[in-house]
């Protein structure tokens, strides 16, 4: 009986260490998440025939400074109703919310 109790205590301790380590990583990744809201002032779609290999979006922030974002094909694009959409539904003048971690864009969503 003592051996089973010791084994359960050891297992509980080892499990708590695993969960404690994983939650620290999740907190770190969300603290690096940055949100930028502004109006689109220019869109440039990838077109290999013209030498453009990436989608680019320039957004005018609330302070009046334009910020450029490279929008990879793997980024989640959402319309104002939070439905998945494509980049060609975004137009110059649309207000968007861009979420990024460090310099990598994670999602772009139209706002109302």
N, C-alpha and C. Protein backbone atom coordinates (compact mmCIF):
# COMPACT_ATOMS: atom_id res chain seq x y z
N UNK A 1 0.81 -1.19 0.00
CA UNK A 1 0.00 0.00 0.00
C UNK A 1 0.86 1.26 0.00
N UNK A 2 1.98 1.22 0.79
CA UNK A 2 2.86 2.37 0.84
C UNK A 2 3.49 2.63 -0.53
N UNK A 3 3.85 1.58 -1.24
CA UNK A 3 4.49 1.73 -2.54
C UNK A 3 3.54 2.39 -3.55
N UNK A 4 2.28 2.02 -3.50
CA UNK A 4 1.29 2.61 -4.41
C UNK A 4 1.10 4.09 -4.08
N UNK A 5 1.04 4.42 -2.80
CA UNK A 5 0.88 5.81 -2.37
C UNK A 5 2.08 6.65 -2.79
N UNK A 6 3.28 6.12 -2.62
CA UNK A 6 4.50 6.84 -3.02
C UNK A 6 4.52 7.03 -4.53
N UNK A 7 4.12 6.00 -5.26
CA UNK A 7 4.09 6.10 -6.72
C UNK A 7 3.08 7.15 -7.18
N UNK A 8 1.90 7.23 -6.55
CA UNK A 8 0.90 8.23 -6.90
C UNK A 8 1.39 9.64 -6.58
N UNK A 9 2.06 9.82 -5.46
CA UNK A 9 2.60 11.13 -5.10
C UNK A 9 3.67 11.55 -6.10
N UNK A 10 4.55 10.63 -6.48
CA UNK A 10 5.60 10.93 -7.45
C UNK A 10 5.00 11.28 -8.81
N UNK A 11 3.99 10.54 -9.21
CA UNK A 11 3.33 10.81 -10.49
C UNK A 11 2.64 12.18 -10.48
N UNK A 12 1.99 12.51 -9.38
CA UNK A 12 1.34 13.82 -9.26
C UNK A 12 2.37 14.95 -9.33
N UNK A 13 3.49 14.79 -8.66
CA UNK A 13 4.54 15.80 -8.68
C UNK A 13 5.10 15.97 -10.10
N UNK A 14 5.39 14.87 -10.78
CA UNK A 14 5.94 14.94 -12.14
C UNK A 14 4.94 15.59 -13.10
N UNK A 15 3.67 15.26 -12.96
CA UNK A 15 2.63 15.84 -13.82
C UNK A 15 2.51 17.34 -13.58
N UNK A 16 2.58 17.77 -12.33
CA UNK A 16 2.47 19.21 -12.04
C UNK A 16 3.63 19.98 -12.63
N UNK A 17 4.81 19.39 -12.68
CA UNK A 17 5.96 20.06 -13.30
C UNK A 17 5.75 20.23 -14.81
N UNK A 18 5.17 19.23 -15.44
CA UNK A 18 4.90 19.31 -16.88
C UNK A 18 3.91 20.41 -17.19
N UNK A 19 2.83 20.50 -16.44
CA UNK A 19 1.82 21.52 -16.68
C UNK A 19 2.34 22.92 -16.35
N UNK A 20 3.15 23.04 -15.33
CA UNK A 20 3.69 24.36 -14.96
C UNK A 20 4.58 24.89 -16.06
N UNK A 21 5.38 24.05 -16.69
CA UNK A 21 6.28 24.47 -17.76
C UNK A 21 5.49 24.90 -19.00
N UNK A 22 4.46 24.18 -19.37
CA UNK A 22 3.67 24.49 -20.56
C UNK A 22 2.89 25.79 -20.44
N UNK A 23 2.38 26.09 -19.26
CA UNK A 23 1.59 27.32 -19.10
C UNK A 23 2.47 28.55 -19.19
N UNK A 24 3.72 28.45 -18.82
CA UNK A 24 4.64 29.58 -18.95
C UNK A 24 4.87 29.94 -20.40
N UNK A 25 4.96 28.95 -21.26
CA UNK A 25 5.14 29.20 -22.68
C UNK A 25 3.92 29.87 -23.28
N UNK A 26 2.73 29.45 -22.88
CA UNK A 26 1.50 30.05 -23.41
C UNK A 26 1.40 31.50 -22.99
N UNK A 27 1.74 31.81 -21.75
CA UNK A 27 1.68 33.19 -21.29
C UNK A 27 2.69 34.06 -22.04
N UNK A 28 3.85 33.50 -22.34
CA UNK A 28 4.87 34.25 -23.05
C UNK A 28 4.42 34.57 -24.48
N UNK A 29 3.83 33.60 -25.18
CA UNK A 29 3.43 33.83 -26.56
C UNK A 29 2.29 34.84 -26.67
N UNK A 30 1.36 34.86 -25.72
CA UNK A 30 0.28 35.83 -25.78
C UNK A 30 0.76 37.23 -25.39
N UNK A 31 1.81 37.31 -24.58
CA UNK A 31 2.32 38.63 -24.22
C UNK A 31 3.05 39.27 -25.39
N UNK A 32 3.51 38.48 -26.35
CA UNK A 32 4.18 39.01 -27.52
C UNK A 32 3.20 39.42 -28.62
N UNK A 33 1.93 39.11 -28.46
CA UNK A 33 0.91 39.41 -29.45
C UNK A 33 0.63 40.91 -29.47
N UNK A 34 0.75 41.51 -30.64
CA UNK A 34 0.49 42.94 -30.80
C UNK A 34 -0.68 43.12 -31.76
N UNK A 35 -1.52 44.09 -31.47
CA UNK A 35 -2.67 44.39 -32.32
C UNK A 35 -2.52 45.80 -32.87
N UNK A 36 -2.76 45.95 -34.17
CA UNK A 36 -2.65 47.23 -34.85
C UNK A 36 -3.95 47.47 -35.59
N UNK A 37 -4.58 48.62 -35.37
CA UNK A 37 -5.84 48.95 -36.04
C UNK A 37 -5.63 50.20 -36.89
N UNK A 38 -6.12 50.16 -38.13
CA UNK A 38 -6.00 51.31 -39.00
C UNK A 38 -6.73 51.10 -40.31
N UNK A 39 -6.59 52.08 -41.23
CA UNK A 39 -7.24 52.02 -42.54
C UNK A 39 -6.23 51.61 -43.59
N UNK A 40 -6.66 50.76 -44.50
CA UNK A 40 -5.80 50.32 -45.59
C UNK A 40 -5.60 51.49 -46.56
N UNK A 41 -4.33 51.81 -46.86
CA UNK A 41 -4.04 52.86 -47.84
C UNK A 41 -3.50 52.28 -49.14
N UNK A 42 -2.97 51.05 -49.11
CA UNK A 42 -2.56 50.40 -50.35
C UNK A 42 -2.49 48.89 -50.16
N UNK A 43 -2.79 48.18 -51.23
CA UNK A 43 -2.71 46.72 -51.28
C UNK A 43 -1.89 46.33 -52.50
N UNK A 44 -1.00 45.37 -52.31
CA UNK A 44 -0.21 44.86 -53.42
C UNK A 44 -0.28 43.33 -53.35
N UNK A 45 -0.88 42.74 -54.38
CA UNK A 45 -1.06 41.30 -54.40
C UNK A 45 0.14 40.64 -55.04
N UNK A 46 0.45 39.43 -54.61
CA UNK A 46 1.55 38.67 -55.18
C UNK A 46 1.26 38.39 -56.65
N UNK A 47 2.23 38.69 -57.51
CA UNK A 47 2.11 38.44 -58.95
C UNK A 47 3.51 38.16 -59.49
N UNK A 48 3.87 36.88 -59.61
CA UNK A 48 5.21 36.53 -60.07
C UNK A 48 5.56 37.10 -61.45
N UNK A 49 4.55 37.32 -62.30
CA UNK A 49 4.84 37.86 -63.64
C UNK A 49 5.34 39.31 -63.55
N UNK A 50 4.97 40.01 -62.48
CA UNK A 50 5.43 41.39 -62.29
C UNK A 50 6.59 41.48 -61.30
N UNK A 51 7.06 40.33 -60.82
CA UNK A 51 8.17 40.31 -59.88
C UNK A 51 7.77 40.53 -58.43
N UNK A 52 6.49 40.52 -58.13
CA UNK A 52 6.01 40.68 -56.76
C UNK A 52 5.70 39.29 -56.22
N UNK A 53 6.48 38.85 -55.22
CA UNK A 53 6.31 37.48 -54.73
C UNK A 53 5.58 37.40 -53.39
N UNK A 54 5.17 38.55 -52.82
CA UNK A 54 4.48 38.55 -51.53
C UNK A 54 3.30 39.51 -51.57
N UNK A 55 2.28 39.21 -50.78
CA UNK A 55 1.16 40.14 -50.59
C UNK A 55 1.59 41.19 -49.58
N UNK A 56 1.38 42.45 -49.90
CA UNK A 56 1.74 43.54 -49.00
C UNK A 56 0.54 44.43 -48.76
N UNK A 57 0.44 44.93 -47.55
CA UNK A 57 -0.66 45.81 -47.15
C UNK A 57 -0.06 46.98 -46.37
N UNK A 58 -0.42 48.18 -46.75
CA UNK A 58 0.01 49.36 -46.00
C UNK A 58 -1.20 49.91 -45.28
N UNK A 59 -1.08 50.08 -43.97
CA UNK A 59 -2.19 50.50 -43.12
C UNK A 59 -1.81 51.79 -42.42
N UNK A 60 -2.71 52.76 -42.47
CA UNK A 60 -2.51 54.04 -41.81
C UNK A 60 -3.03 53.94 -40.39
N UNK A 61 -2.13 54.11 -39.43
CA UNK A 61 -2.48 53.97 -38.02
C UNK A 61 -3.18 55.20 -37.47
N UNK A 62 -3.63 55.13 -36.22
CA UNK A 62 -4.34 56.25 -35.60
C UNK A 62 -3.46 57.49 -35.43
N UNK A 63 -2.14 57.30 -35.40
CA UNK A 63 -1.24 58.43 -35.26
C UNK A 63 -0.89 59.08 -36.60
N UNK A 64 -1.41 58.51 -37.70
CA UNK A 64 -1.19 59.08 -39.02
C UNK A 64 0.00 58.52 -39.76
N UNK A 65 0.72 57.59 -39.16
CA UNK A 65 1.87 56.98 -39.82
C UNK A 65 1.48 55.68 -40.50
N UNK A 66 1.88 55.50 -41.77
CA UNK A 66 1.58 54.23 -42.44
C UNK A 66 2.54 53.13 -41.99
N UNK A 67 2.01 51.94 -41.83
CA UNK A 67 2.80 50.77 -41.45
C UNK A 67 2.59 49.70 -42.50
N UNK A 68 3.67 49.11 -43.01
CA UNK A 68 3.58 48.07 -44.03
C UNK A 68 3.61 46.70 -43.38
N UNK A 69 2.77 45.81 -43.91
CA UNK A 69 2.72 44.43 -43.44
C UNK A 69 2.84 43.50 -44.63
N UNK A 70 3.65 42.46 -44.49
CA UNK A 70 3.69 41.38 -45.46
C UNK A 70 2.66 40.35 -45.01
N UNK A 71 1.75 39.98 -45.91
CA UNK A 71 0.66 39.08 -45.57
C UNK A 71 0.90 37.74 -46.28
N UNK A 72 1.49 36.75 -45.58
CA UNK A 72 1.73 35.45 -46.19
C UNK A 72 0.42 34.73 -46.53
N UNK A 73 0.51 33.73 -47.36
CA UNK A 73 -0.68 32.96 -47.75
C UNK A 73 -1.27 32.18 -46.58
N UNK A 74 -0.47 31.92 -45.55
CA UNK A 74 -0.94 31.12 -44.42
C UNK A 74 -1.68 31.94 -43.37
N UNK A 75 -1.80 33.24 -43.54
CA UNK A 75 -2.44 34.10 -42.56
C UNK A 75 -3.96 33.93 -42.61
N UNK A 76 -4.59 33.96 -41.44
CA UNK A 76 -6.04 33.90 -41.35
C UNK A 76 -6.62 35.28 -41.68
N UNK A 77 -7.49 35.33 -42.66
CA UNK A 77 -8.14 36.58 -43.07
C UNK A 77 -9.62 36.47 -42.74
N UNK A 78 -10.14 37.46 -42.01
CA UNK A 78 -11.53 37.42 -41.56
C UNK A 78 -12.26 38.68 -42.00
N UNK A 79 -13.54 38.53 -42.35
CA UNK A 79 -14.35 39.71 -42.66
C UNK A 79 -14.93 40.25 -41.36
N UNK A 80 -15.76 41.26 -41.44
CA UNK A 80 -16.31 41.91 -40.24
C UNK A 80 -17.19 40.97 -39.42
N UNK A 81 -17.75 39.95 -40.06
CA UNK A 81 -18.60 38.98 -39.35
C UNK A 81 -17.78 37.78 -38.86
N UNK A 82 -16.47 37.90 -38.87
CA UNK A 82 -15.50 36.87 -38.46
C UNK A 82 -15.62 35.58 -39.26
N UNK A 83 -15.95 35.71 -40.53
CA UNK A 83 -15.93 34.55 -41.44
C UNK A 83 -14.62 34.58 -42.21
N UNK A 84 -14.08 33.42 -42.49
CA UNK A 84 -12.83 33.34 -43.24
C UNK A 84 -13.07 33.83 -44.66
N UNK A 85 -12.14 34.65 -45.15
CA UNK A 85 -12.27 35.25 -46.47
C UNK A 85 -10.92 35.25 -47.18
N UNK A 86 -10.85 35.91 -48.31
CA UNK A 86 -9.60 36.01 -49.07
C UNK A 86 -9.13 37.46 -49.09
N UNK A 87 -7.87 37.65 -49.45
CA UNK A 87 -7.30 39.00 -49.44
C UNK A 87 -7.95 39.91 -50.47
N UNK A 88 -8.45 39.35 -51.58
CA UNK A 88 -9.04 40.22 -52.61
C UNK A 88 -10.38 40.83 -52.19
N UNK A 89 -10.93 40.45 -51.04
CA UNK A 89 -12.15 41.10 -50.54
C UNK A 89 -11.83 42.37 -49.76
N UNK A 90 -10.56 42.57 -49.43
CA UNK A 90 -10.14 43.79 -48.74
C UNK A 90 -9.92 44.88 -49.77
N UNK A 91 -10.35 46.09 -49.44
CA UNK A 91 -10.24 47.23 -50.35
C UNK A 91 -9.54 48.39 -49.64
N UNK A 92 -8.97 49.29 -50.43
CA UNK A 92 -8.38 50.50 -49.88
C UNK A 92 -9.50 51.29 -49.18
N UNK A 93 -9.24 51.74 -47.98
CA UNK A 93 -10.24 52.46 -47.18
C UNK A 93 -10.88 51.61 -46.10
N UNK A 94 -10.77 50.27 -46.20
CA UNK A 94 -11.32 49.39 -45.16
C UNK A 94 -10.52 49.56 -43.87
N UNK A 95 -11.22 49.51 -42.75
CA UNK A 95 -10.55 49.52 -41.45
C UNK A 95 -10.29 48.07 -41.07
N UNK A 96 -9.04 47.80 -40.66
CA UNK A 96 -8.65 46.43 -40.33
C UNK A 96 -7.95 46.38 -38.98
N UNK A 97 -7.98 45.18 -38.40
CA UNK A 97 -7.23 44.89 -37.19
C UNK A 97 -6.21 43.82 -37.56
N UNK A 98 -4.93 44.15 -37.41
CA UNK A 98 -3.85 43.23 -37.75
C UNK A 98 -3.24 42.73 -36.44
N UNK A 99 -3.20 41.41 -36.28
CA UNK A 99 -2.57 40.82 -35.11
C UNK A 99 -1.27 40.19 -35.55
N UNK A 100 -0.21 40.47 -34.79
CA UNK A 100 1.10 39.92 -35.15
C UNK A 100 1.87 39.54 -33.90
N UNK A 101 2.77 38.59 -34.08
CA UNK A 101 3.71 38.20 -33.05
C UNK A 101 5.08 38.54 -33.60
N UNK A 102 5.77 39.43 -32.90
CA UNK A 102 7.03 40.01 -33.38
C UNK A 102 6.76 40.66 -34.72
N UNK A 103 7.39 40.24 -35.80
CA UNK A 103 7.16 40.86 -37.11
C UNK A 103 6.31 39.99 -38.03
N UNK A 104 5.79 38.89 -37.51
CA UNK A 104 5.01 37.96 -38.33
C UNK A 104 3.52 38.18 -38.14
N UNK A 105 2.82 38.46 -39.22
CA UNK A 105 1.37 38.69 -39.17
C UNK A 105 0.67 37.35 -38.92
N UNK A 106 -0.25 37.32 -37.94
CA UNK A 106 -1.00 36.12 -37.60
C UNK A 106 -2.41 36.15 -38.17
N UNK A 107 -3.06 37.33 -38.14
CA UNK A 107 -4.41 37.43 -38.69
C UNK A 107 -4.70 38.87 -39.07
N UNK A 108 -5.62 39.01 -40.04
CA UNK A 108 -6.11 40.31 -40.47
C UNK A 108 -7.63 40.21 -40.49
N UNK A 109 -8.29 41.18 -39.84
CA UNK A 109 -9.75 41.17 -39.80
C UNK A 109 -10.30 42.55 -40.12
N UNK A 110 -11.32 42.57 -41.00
CA UNK A 110 -12.02 43.82 -41.24
C UNK A 110 -12.80 44.19 -40.00
N UNK A 111 -12.89 45.48 -39.72
CA UNK A 111 -13.73 45.92 -38.60
C UNK A 111 -14.86 46.77 -39.18
N UNK A 112 -15.87 46.97 -38.40
CA UNK A 112 -17.05 47.71 -38.89
C UNK A 112 -16.87 49.17 -38.79
